[in-house]
């Protein structure tokens, strides 16, 4: 291998001076003279130049048009709605509360503490929907961050600066493994089970059925193990036991790239672990969104996506929800970056939710003209 600090040898670099085109003569006493192109050859060359320039121009126009069209299509797909938060229902909406007090709040964060709190909430939601003008929709999102994973332990141990600079790009320190795709720690499992406990309080059989909280109509999750495991421990004896089939969504992943903990497992592993597709005896039955690839084709070891790119993914998820989900209640299980991106897109106040956090949000979507 050559040493880049040494000057390159010029032994393969030759100066080249083109020889003039000459004409020959039958008379050796006559000197050689530069050839003069014939008028027909000159016309041919000019025509070729015009033709080549035309082809180049057409190719450039097509390329430019394709680029602009793809940009417009992307913008239309990811920004088909204007989003905003409907405040006043949940404790996390209060702009004076700058931090989430705990991973999950009593009553799932609902401000109303009366026995008929969920009846009142559904009545208010129905009123919003009934009075909404054409093109305006409302959904209730149950946003959940995964419980503590081994990568979280590593970052806490080494500090965020050292984690981002070095350890996040490794798979292990010899004592603890955090990549790729780490699972929950025992604390992470207990955090998800705490959300499960609060859910069951709000679903208590002691309450009138109409007074109980509403479970999500659909749950979409990041395909990273820690998110799916959090979903399992949260809903295993409620929504999942009632037949709900969660869906793996690539666009709910953590910020993609460089950090080994954010590289996902193969679809075969996920199908074997969380689905009956590859394991008919599995009690879990997750679905995969269309186009889900076997291997992780998004994660790169040397490129990490920008905040703007992640927000584009979030807008696409929200567009899918408002265009395709019929129910009013949507569960999304993801990551700190996922939640931060979601809040940015819908205009929620900034929060720094801890691992295991559960945050309900009412979102208003107005279709762009």
Protein backbone atom coordinates (compact mmCIF):
# COMPACT_ATOMS: atom_id res chain seq x y z
CA UNK A 1 0.00 0.00 0.00
CA UNK A 2 1.41 3.41 -0.88
CA UNK A 3 2.28 5.95 1.76
CA UNK A 4 -0.05 8.95 1.24
CA UNK A 5 2.51 11.24 2.86
CA UNK A 6 5.10 10.57 0.09
CA UNK A 7 4.89 12.44 -3.22
CA UNK A 8 3.50 10.34 -6.02
CA UNK A 9 5.91 9.08 -8.66
CA UNK A 10 5.44 10.63 -12.07
CA UNK A 11 6.72 7.62 -13.93
CA UNK A 12 3.21 6.89 -15.21
CA UNK A 13 2.49 10.50 -16.05
CA UNK A 14 3.48 11.43 -19.58
CA UNK A 15 3.09 14.73 -21.34
CA UNK A 16 1.19 14.24 -24.55
CA UNK A 17 1.34 16.57 -27.54
CA UNK A 18 -0.99 15.58 -30.35
CA UNK A 19 0.61 15.40 -33.77
CA UNK A 20 -0.96 17.49 -36.50
CA UNK A 21 -3.00 15.65 -39.06
CA UNK A 22 -1.06 15.65 -42.31
CA UNK A 23 -1.61 14.87 -45.92
CA UNK A 24 0.70 12.76 -48.01
CA UNK A 25 2.02 13.49 -51.48
CA UNK A 26 3.22 11.22 -54.23
CA UNK A 27 6.06 13.65 -54.74
CA UNK A 28 8.60 13.10 -51.96
CA UNK A 29 10.10 16.50 -52.65
CA UNK A 30 6.90 18.21 -51.53
CA UNK A 31 6.70 18.99 -47.78
CA UNK A 32 3.95 17.51 -45.66
CA UNK A 33 1.08 19.97 -45.13
CA UNK A 34 -1.67 20.03 -42.51
CA UNK A 35 -4.85 18.60 -43.90
CA UNK A 36 -7.83 20.83 -44.51
CA UNK A 37 -11.21 19.28 -43.71
CA UNK A 38 -13.61 19.14 -46.58
CA UNK A 39 -16.83 21.18 -46.38
CA UNK A 40 -18.90 17.99 -46.17
CA UNK A 41 -16.85 16.71 -43.24
CA UNK A 42 -17.22 20.07 -41.47
CA UNK A 43 -21.01 19.93 -41.89
CA UNK A 44 -21.07 16.39 -40.56
CA UNK A 45 -19.11 17.37 -37.49
CA UNK A 46 -21.34 20.38 -36.85
CA UNK A 47 -24.44 18.24 -37.20
CA UNK A 48 -23.00 15.72 -34.75
CA UNK A 49 -22.25 18.47 -32.24
CA UNK A 50 -25.81 19.78 -32.49
CA UNK A 51 -27.18 16.26 -32.11
CA UNK A 52 -24.98 15.52 -29.09
CA UNK A 53 -25.89 18.83 -27.48
CA UNK A 54 -29.58 18.12 -28.02
CA UNK A 55 -29.30 14.67 -26.46
CA UNK A 56 -27.41 16.10 -23.48
CA UNK A 57 -30.01 18.85 -23.04
CA UNK A 58 -32.88 16.39 -23.17
CA UNK A 59 -31.17 14.08 -20.67
CA UNK A 60 -30.53 17.03 -18.36
CA UNK A 61 -34.15 18.16 -18.54
CA UNK A 62 -35.43 14.65 -17.85
CA UNK A 63 -33.07 14.26 -14.89
CA UNK A 64 -34.03 17.64 -13.46
CA UNK A 65 -37.73 16.94 -13.94
CA UNK A 66 -37.41 13.54 -12.27
CA UNK A 67 -35.61 15.10 -9.32
CA UNK A 68 -38.20 17.85 -8.89
CA UNK A 69 -41.05 15.36 -9.30
CA UNK A 70 -39.59 13.00 -6.70
CA UNK A 71 -39.08 15.92 -4.31
CA UNK A 72 -42.70 17.01 -4.83
CA UNK A 73 -43.95 13.45 -4.34
CA UNK A 74 -41.91 13.09 -1.16
CA UNK A 75 -43.19 16.39 0.15
CA UNK A 76 -46.76 15.45 -0.69
CA UNK A 77 -46.38 12.08 0.98
CA UNK A 78 -44.73 13.33 4.16
CA UNK A 79 -46.49 16.68 4.51
CA UNK A 80 -50.04 15.98 3.42
CA UNK A 81 -51.30 17.31 6.76
CA UNK A 82 -50.66 20.10 9.19
CA UNK A 83 -50.48 18.66 12.70
CA UNK A 84 -51.11 20.20 16.10
CA UNK A 85 -51.72 19.06 19.68
CA UNK A 86 -55.11 19.46 21.35
CA UNK A 87 -54.15 20.48 24.87
CA UNK A 88 -56.05 20.28 28.12
CA UNK A 89 -56.63 16.53 28.44
CA UNK A 90 -53.34 15.11 29.72
CA UNK A 91 -50.76 16.22 32.27
CA UNK A 92 -48.00 16.18 29.65
CA UNK A 93 -49.82 18.92 27.72
CA UNK A 94 -49.24 21.49 30.48
CA UNK A 95 -46.58 23.88 29.13
CA UNK A 96 -45.48 24.65 32.71
CA UNK A 97 -44.42 21.04 33.22
CA UNK A 98 -41.03 20.87 31.53
CA UNK A 99 -40.23 17.29 32.50
CA UNK A 100 -42.12 14.04 32.70
CA UNK A 101 -42.41 13.33 36.43
CA UNK A 102 -42.27 9.56 35.96
CA UNK A 103 -42.41 6.99 33.21
CA UNK A 104 -46.17 6.56 33.56
CA UNK A 105 -48.55 8.83 35.47
CA UNK A 106 -51.72 7.86 37.37
CA UNK A 107 -54.77 7.56 35.10
CA UNK A 108 -52.26 7.31 32.22
CA UNK A 109 -51.79 11.05 32.63
CA UNK A 110 -55.45 12.06 32.23
CA UNK A 111 -56.10 15.29 34.15
CA UNK A 112 -59.72 14.48 34.98
CA UNK A 113 -59.76 12.36 38.15
CA UNK A 114 -63.53 11.85 38.39
CA UNK A 115 -65.06 8.35 38.19
CA UNK A 116 -66.45 9.25 34.76
CA UNK A 117 -63.14 10.63 33.48
CA UNK A 118 -62.90 8.40 30.42
CA UNK A 119 -66.56 8.95 29.58
CA UNK A 120 -65.92 12.69 29.70
CA UNK A 121 -62.82 12.29 27.58
CA UNK A 122 -64.61 10.30 24.89
CA UNK A 123 -67.48 12.78 24.87
CA UNK A 124 -65.03 15.65 24.30
CA UNK A 125 -63.30 13.70 21.53
CA UNK A 126 -66.64 12.97 19.86
CA UNK A 127 -67.56 16.66 20.04
CA UNK A 128 -64.27 17.59 18.36
CA UNK A 129 -64.86 15.11 15.56
CA UNK A 130 -68.48 16.12 15.06
CA UNK A 131 -67.69 19.81 14.77
CA UNK A 132 -64.58 19.32 12.62
CA UNK A 133 -64.69 20.90 9.16
CA UNK A 134 -63.98 18.81 6.09
CA UNK A 135 -60.37 17.66 5.94
CA UNK A 136 -59.85 17.85 9.72
CA UNK A 137 -59.35 14.69 11.78
CA UNK A 138 -58.48 13.78 15.36
CA UNK A 139 -56.64 10.77 16.81
CA UNK A 140 -55.51 9.74 20.28
CA UNK A 141 -51.91 8.52 20.29
CA UNK A 142 -50.47 6.39 23.07
CA UNK A 143 -46.78 7.17 22.65
CA UNK A 144 -44.42 4.83 24.47
CA UNK A 145 -40.65 4.73 24.80
CA UNK A 146 -39.04 1.34 25.24
CA UNK A 147 -37.86 0.31 28.68
CA UNK A 148 -34.21 0.43 29.63
CA UNK A 149 -31.95 -1.51 27.26
CA UNK A 150 -28.35 -2.56 27.69
CA UNK A 151 -27.18 0.31 25.50
CA UNK A 152 -28.80 2.72 27.98
CA UNK A 153 -26.77 1.14 30.76
CA UNK A 154 -23.59 1.52 28.73
CA UNK A 155 -24.27 5.18 27.96
CA UNK A 156 -24.97 5.89 31.63
CA UNK A 157 -21.75 4.11 32.60
CA UNK A 158 -19.43 5.85 30.14
CA UNK A 159 -21.24 9.18 29.84
CA UNK A 160 -22.98 10.60 26.78
CA UNK A 161 -19.88 12.32 25.36
CA UNK A 162 -17.75 9.16 25.42
CA UNK A 163 -20.72 7.09 24.27
CA UNK A 164 -21.32 9.22 21.19
CA UNK A 165 -17.63 9.51 20.36
CA UNK A 166 -16.58 5.89 20.79
CA UNK A 167 -18.64 3.28 22.61
CA UNK A 168 -21.83 3.68 20.56
CA UNK A 169 -19.84 2.50 17.53
CA UNK A 170 -18.70 -0.67 19.31
CA UNK A 171 -20.69 -3.79 20.07
CA UNK A 172 -19.33 -4.59 23.51
CA UNK A 173 -16.75 -3.59 26.10
CA UNK A 174 -16.00 -7.20 26.97
CA UNK A 175 -18.33 -7.20 29.96
CA UNK A 176 -21.59 -5.98 28.44
CA UNK A 177 -22.99 -6.31 24.91
CA UNK A 178 -25.24 -3.59 23.52
CA UNK A 179 -25.16 -4.14 19.78
CA UNK A 180 -26.61 -4.94 17.48
CA UNK A 181 -30.25 -4.67 18.57
CA UNK A 182 -30.00 -5.11 22.36
CA UNK A 183 -32.82 -6.42 24.50
CA UNK A 184 -34.36 -5.00 27.68
CA UNK A 185 -32.64 -5.14 31.03
CA UNK A 186 -34.56 -6.43 34.09
CA UNK A 187 -35.27 -2.77 34.94
CA UNK A 188 -36.57 -2.20 31.41
CA UNK A 189 -38.98 -5.11 31.81
CA UNK A 190 -40.23 -3.76 35.14
CA UNK A 191 -40.80 -0.33 33.55
CA UNK A 192 -43.04 -1.87 30.90
CA UNK A 193 -44.88 -3.92 33.53
CA UNK A 194 -45.55 -0.71 35.47
CA UNK A 195 -47.33 0.71 32.43
CA UNK A 196 -49.27 -2.55 32.25
CA UNK A 197 -50.31 -2.13 35.89
CA UNK A 198 -51.62 1.40 35.36
CA UNK A 199 -53.46 0.29 32.23
CA UNK A 200 -55.25 -2.42 34.20
CA UNK A 201 -56.24 0.08 36.86
CA UNK A 202 -57.99 2.08 34.15
CA UNK A 203 -59.56 -1.11 32.75
CA UNK A 204 -60.70 -2.36 36.15
CA UNK A 205 -63.76 -4.60 36.20
CA UNK A 206 -64.94 -2.57 39.19
CA UNK A 207 -65.57 0.30 36.80
CA UNK A 208 -68.56 0.41 34.50
CA UNK A 209 -67.53 -0.75 31.04
CA UNK A 210 -68.31 2.62 29.49
CA UNK A 211 -66.22 4.30 32.18
CA UNK A 212 -63.04 2.37 31.38
CA UNK A 213 -60.12 3.55 29.32
CA UNK A 214 -59.95 2.52 25.69
CA UNK A 215 -57.16 0.21 24.58
CA UNK A 216 -55.49 1.05 21.26
CA UNK A 217 -57.27 -0.06 18.11
CA UNK A 218 -53.87 -0.64 16.47
CA UNK A 219 -50.32 -0.75 17.81
CA UNK A 220 -47.34 -0.08 15.56
CA UNK A 221 -43.86 -0.66 16.84
CA UNK A 222 -40.26 -0.11 15.90
CA UNK A 223 -38.74 -3.42 14.73
CA UNK A 224 -35.91 -3.10 17.25
CA UNK A 225 -36.10 -5.79 19.93
CA UNK A 226 -36.34 -3.46 22.91
CA UNK A 227 -39.44 -1.79 21.49
CA UNK A 228 -41.21 -5.07 20.68
CA UNK A 229 -40.33 -6.51 24.10
CA UNK A 230 -41.72 -3.36 25.75
CA UNK A 231 -44.95 -3.78 23.80
CA UNK A 232 -45.23 -7.41 24.92
CA UNK A 233 -44.85 -6.62 28.62
CA UNK A 234 -47.24 -3.67 28.35
CA UNK A 235 -50.15 -5.35 26.57
CA UNK A 236 -49.63 -9.13 27.01
CA UNK A 237 -52.79 -9.67 29.10
CA UNK A 238 -54.92 -6.85 27.69
CA UNK A 239 -54.79 -5.87 24.02
CA UNK A 240 -52.65 -8.83 22.88
CA UNK A 241 -54.78 -11.38 24.69
CA UNK A 242 -57.81 -9.81 22.98
CA UNK A 243 -56.35 -10.62 19.56
CA UNK A 244 -54.54 -7.39 18.67
CA UNK A 245 -51.76 -7.95 16.10
CA UNK A 246 -49.00 -5.32 16.32
CA UNK A 247 -47.22 -4.24 13.16
CA UNK A 248 -43.49 -3.70 12.70
CA UNK A 249 -42.87 -0.27 11.14
CA UNK A 250 -39.39 0.70 9.95
CA UNK A 251 -40.20 4.40 10.21
CA UNK A 252 -40.63 4.13 14.00
CA UNK A 253 -36.98 3.19 14.44
CA UNK A 254 -34.48 5.18 16.44
CA UNK A 255 -32.21 7.59 14.54
CA UNK A 256 -30.57 5.33 11.96
CA UNK A 257 -26.83 4.88 11.52
CA UNK A 258 -23.44 4.62 13.29
CA UNK A 259 -24.77 3.50 16.69
CA UNK A 260 -24.64 -0.31 16.70
CA UNK A 261 -27.56 -0.53 19.12
CA UNK A 262 -29.80 0.92 16.39
CA UNK A 263 -29.07 -1.79 13.79
CA UNK A 264 -32.02 -4.17 13.69
CA UNK A 265 -32.20 -7.94 13.59
CA UNK A 266 -33.19 -9.89 10.49
CA UNK A 267 -36.84 -10.38 9.66
CA UNK A 268 -36.33 -14.10 10.19
CA UNK A 269 -35.27 -13.52 13.79
CA UNK A 270 -38.22 -11.19 14.36
CA UNK A 271 -40.64 -13.66 12.76
CA UNK A 272 -39.29 -16.50 14.88
CA UNK A 273 -39.41 -14.47 18.10
CA UNK A 274 -42.54 -12.35 17.71
CA UNK A 275 -44.70 -14.02 15.08
CA UNK A 276 -46.36 -17.26 14.04
CA UNK A 277 -45.05 -16.82 10.49
CA UNK A 278 -41.92 -18.81 11.34
CA UNK A 279 -43.06 -20.28 14.67
CA UNK A 280 -46.66 -21.56 14.58
CA UNK A 281 -46.60 -22.30 18.30
CA UNK A 282 -45.72 -18.71 19.20
CA UNK A 283 -48.26 -17.00 21.43
CA UNK A 284 -47.31 -13.70 19.81
CA UNK A 285 -48.50 -12.80 16.34
CA UNK A 286 -46.87 -9.66 14.97
CA UNK A 287 -47.28 -8.53 11.38
CA UNK A 288 -44.71 -6.94 9.06
CA UNK A 289 -45.49 -3.88 6.99
CA UNK A 290 -45.30 -4.41 3.20
CA UNK A 291 -41.77 -4.22 1.82
CA UNK A 292 -40.07 -5.18 5.09
CA UNK A 293 -36.64 -6.48 4.07
CA UNK A 294 -34.90 -9.55 5.44
CA UNK A 295 -31.73 -7.67 6.35
CA UNK A 296 -31.34 -4.17 7.69
CA UNK A 297 -30.72 -2.14 4.55
CA UNK A 298 -31.01 1.26 6.25
CA UNK A 299 -28.32 1.18 8.92
CA UNK A 300 -24.83 2.33 7.87
CA UNK A 301 -21.76 2.25 10.11
CA UNK A 302 -20.48 5.64 8.94
CA UNK A 303 -23.63 7.70 8.24
CA UNK A 304 -26.30 8.79 10.73
CA UNK A 305 -29.51 10.33 9.51
CA UNK A 306 -30.31 13.96 10.31
CA UNK A 307 -33.16 15.21 12.47
CA UNK A 308 -34.91 16.43 9.32
CA UNK A 309 -34.73 12.96 7.78
CA UNK A 310 -36.16 11.36 10.90
CA UNK A 311 -38.97 13.91 11.00
CA UNK A 312 -39.75 12.96 7.41
CA UNK A 313 -40.16 9.36 8.57
CA UNK A 314 -42.43 10.52 11.39
CA UNK A 315 -44.63 12.52 9.01
CA UNK A 316 -45.06 9.45 6.85
CA UNK A 317 -46.16 7.42 9.88
CA UNK A 318 -48.69 10.07 10.85
CA UNK A 319 -49.95 10.30 7.28
CA UNK A 320 -50.48 6.53 7.25
CA UNK A 321 -52.41 6.73 10.51
CA UNK A 322 -54.74 9.51 9.45
CA UNK A 323 -55.27 8.07 5.98
CA UNK A 324 -55.61 4.40 6.84
CA UNK A 325 -56.51 3.72 10.49
CA UNK A 326 -60.25 3.71 11.16
CA UNK A 327 -60.12 3.63 14.96
CA UNK A 328 -59.49 6.66 17.16
CA UNK A 329 -56.80 5.14 19.40
CA UNK A 330 -53.33 4.39 18.09
CA UNK A 331 -50.40 2.94 20.02
CA UNK A 332 -46.86 3.77 18.84
CA UNK A 333 -43.89 2.11 20.55
CA UNK A 334 -40.48 3.52 19.76
CA UNK A 335 -37.46 5.35 21.12
CA UNK A 336 -36.28 8.63 22.57
CA UNK A 337 -35.46 9.90 19.09
CA UNK A 338 -38.82 8.67 17.79
CA UNK A 339 -40.71 10.55 20.48
CA UNK A 340 -38.64 13.70 20.06
CA UNK A 341 -39.32 13.63 16.33
CA UNK A 342 -43.05 13.03 16.92
CA UNK A 343 -43.27 15.99 19.30
CA UNK A 344 -41.44 18.23 16.83
CA UNK A 345 -43.75 17.29 13.96
CA UNK A 346 -47.03 17.72 15.90
CA UNK A 347 -45.91 20.84 17.77
CA UNK A 348 -45.87 19.29 21.23
CA UNK A 349 -43.77 21.03 23.86
CA UNK A 350 -40.29 19.54 24.19
CA UNK A 351 -39.96 16.74 26.72
CA UNK A 352 -37.17 14.40 27.72
CA UNK A 353 -39.08 11.20 28.49
CA UNK A 354 -37.23 8.55 30.49
CA UNK A 355 -37.02 4.94 29.36
CA UNK A 356 -40.39 3.26 29.74
CA UNK A 357 -42.32 6.54 29.41
CA UNK A 358 -45.97 6.42 28.34
CA UNK A 359 -47.41 9.68 26.98
CA UNK A 360 -50.94 10.04 25.52
CA UNK A 361 -51.44 12.87 23.03
CA UNK A 362 -54.52 14.08 21.14
CA UNK A 363 -53.43 15.16 17.66
CA UNK A 364 -55.37 17.26 15.17
CA UNK A 365 -54.61 16.82 11.49
CA UNK A 366 -55.73 19.28 8.81
CA UNK A 367 -55.24 18.19 5.23
CA UNK A 368 -53.30 20.63 3.06
CA UNK A 369 -55.15 22.08 0.08
